[in-house]
C-alpha cells in the first residue's frame, strides 16, 4: 500500500485535493505519513535484534514471525512489489507524456498517446 500511495500522492495529489477537498487531502497525507513512520520504526526495531543477511525485508519478516507466517507474508510481499513496479511505470510514463506534450514533440499525438 505504501508503494501505491507514493505514486498516487506525487502524481495525483491535485486531483485528490480537487475531489476530496483540502481537509481530506491533508488527512490522507497525514495518514500516509503515520503508516510510513510506524512501518519504519517497526522495521528498525526488528533489524536491531540481529544481523540482517541477504533477502532484505523478507529475511526480517520470516525470521521475526517464523517460517509459517513468513512464507505467507512473503508471497503477499512479492505480489505487492509486482504491483508497485506497475504503478511506478505508469507514473513515469504519464510524467514523460506530459513533458513531451509541453515540448511539442512528434513522439506524442492524441491518437497514439
Protein backbone atom coordinates (compact mmCIF):
# COMPACT_ATOMS: atom_id res chain seq x y z
CA UNK A 1 0.00 0.00 0.00
CA UNK A 2 2.86 2.38 0.73
CA UNK A 3 4.19 1.99 -2.81
CA UNK A 4 0.80 2.67 -4.34
CA UNK A 5 0.21 5.68 -2.08
CA UNK A 6 3.61 7.10 -3.01
CA UNK A 7 2.80 7.24 -6.72
CA UNK A 8 -0.74 8.44 -6.12
CA UNK A 9 0.30 11.24 -3.79
CA UNK A 10 3.03 12.63 -6.02
CA UNK A 11 1.22 12.40 -9.35
CA UNK A 12 -2.46 12.61 -8.44
CA UNK A 13 -2.32 14.98 -5.46
CA UNK A 14 -4.02 17.84 -7.27
CA UNK A 15 -6.83 15.54 -8.43
CA UNK A 16 -7.24 14.09 -4.92
CA UNK A 17 -7.50 17.57 -3.39
CA UNK A 18 -9.94 18.63 -6.12
CA UNK A 19 -12.21 15.66 -5.47
CA UNK A 20 -11.91 15.30 -1.69
CA UNK A 21 -11.16 18.86 -0.63
CA UNK A 22 -8.20 20.34 1.17
CA UNK A 23 -9.15 18.94 4.58
CA UNK A 24 -9.46 15.33 3.43
CA UNK A 25 -6.39 15.72 1.19
CA UNK A 26 -4.33 16.76 4.22
CA UNK A 27 -5.86 13.89 6.21
CA UNK A 28 -4.75 11.40 3.53
CA UNK A 29 -1.22 12.80 3.64
CA UNK A 30 -1.14 12.64 7.45
CA UNK A 31 -2.42 9.04 7.48
CA UNK A 32 0.17 8.04 4.89
CA UNK A 33 2.90 9.69 6.95
CA UNK A 34 1.71 7.92 10.09
CA UNK A 35 1.66 4.49 8.40
CA UNK A 36 5.11 5.09 6.90
CA UNK A 37 6.54 6.21 10.25
CA UNK A 38 5.13 3.22 12.13
CA UNK A 39 6.43 0.85 9.46
CA UNK A 40 9.87 2.44 9.59
CA UNK A 41 10.02 2.25 13.39
CA UNK A 42 8.88 -1.40 13.34
CA UNK A 43 11.49 -2.30 10.75
CA UNK A 44 14.16 -0.53 12.78
CA UNK A 45 13.16 -2.42 15.93
CA UNK A 46 13.27 -5.77 14.14
CA UNK A 47 16.56 -5.00 12.37
CA UNK A 48 18.35 -4.09 15.60
CA UNK A 49 17.67 -7.53 17.10
CA UNK A 50 20.22 -9.29 14.93
CA UNK A 51 22.35 -9.36 11.83
CA UNK A 52 20.42 -8.82 8.57
CA UNK A 53 21.63 -11.17 5.85
CA UNK A 54 20.69 -11.37 2.19
CA UNK A 55 16.99 -11.15 1.46
CA UNK A 56 16.29 -7.73 2.94
CA UNK A 57 12.75 -7.18 4.16
CA UNK A 58 11.67 -10.78 3.51
CA UNK A 59 14.54 -12.04 5.67
CA UNK A 60 13.42 -9.77 8.53
CA UNK A 61 9.78 -10.86 8.22
CA UNK A 62 10.49 -14.59 8.04
CA UNK A 63 12.94 -14.53 10.97
CA UNK A 64 10.63 -12.45 13.16
CA UNK A 65 7.36 -14.28 12.54
CA UNK A 66 8.58 -17.79 11.83
CA UNK A 67 8.52 -19.85 8.63
CA UNK A 68 4.73 -20.34 8.50
CA UNK A 69 3.75 -16.67 8.70
CA UNK A 70 6.93 -15.58 6.94
CA UNK A 71 6.11 -17.68 3.88
CA UNK A 72 2.57 -16.41 3.54
CA UNK A 73 3.58 -12.80 4.10
CA UNK A 74 6.47 -13.31 1.67
CA UNK A 75 4.01 -14.20 -1.09
CA UNK A 76 1.99 -11.07 -0.37
CA UNK A 77 5.22 -9.05 -0.27
CA UNK A 78 6.26 -10.37 -3.70
CA UNK A 79 2.83 -9.53 -5.16
CA UNK A 80 3.00 -6.05 -3.61
CA UNK A 81 6.38 -5.45 -5.23
CA UNK A 82 4.99 -6.50 -8.63
CA UNK A 83 2.09 -4.08 -8.26
CA UNK A 84 4.47 -1.36 -7.10
CA UNK A 85 6.58 -1.75 -10.25
CA UNK A 86 3.47 -1.41 -12.38
CA UNK A 87 2.44 1.74 -10.51
CA UNK A 88 5.92 3.26 -10.89
CA UNK A 89 5.95 2.54 -14.63
CA UNK A 90 2.51 4.12 -15.10
CA UNK A 91 3.52 7.15 -13.06
CA UNK A 92 6.76 7.58 -15.00
CA UNK A 93 5.00 7.16 -18.36
CA UNK A 94 2.35 9.77 -17.50
CA UNK A 95 5.02 12.26 -16.49
CA UNK A 96 7.05 11.67 -19.65
CA UNK A 97 3.97 12.02 -21.86
CA UNK A 98 3.12 15.35 -20.22
CA UNK A 99 6.68 16.60 -20.69
CA UNK A 100 6.70 15.55 -24.35
CA UNK A 101 3.37 17.30 -24.97
CA UNK A 102 4.71 20.52 -23.44
CA UNK A 103 7.74 20.49 -25.75
CA UNK A 104 5.60 19.76 -28.86
CA UNK A 105 7.44 16.52 -29.53
CA UNK A 106 6.45 14.45 -32.55
CA UNK A 107 6.53 11.28 -30.43
CA UNK A 108 3.18 12.05 -28.79
CA UNK A 109 -0.05 12.76 -30.62
CA UNK A 110 -3.69 12.45 -29.47
CA UNK A 111 -4.25 9.23 -31.45
CA UNK A 112 -1.23 7.29 -30.17
CA UNK A 113 -0.98 8.68 -26.65
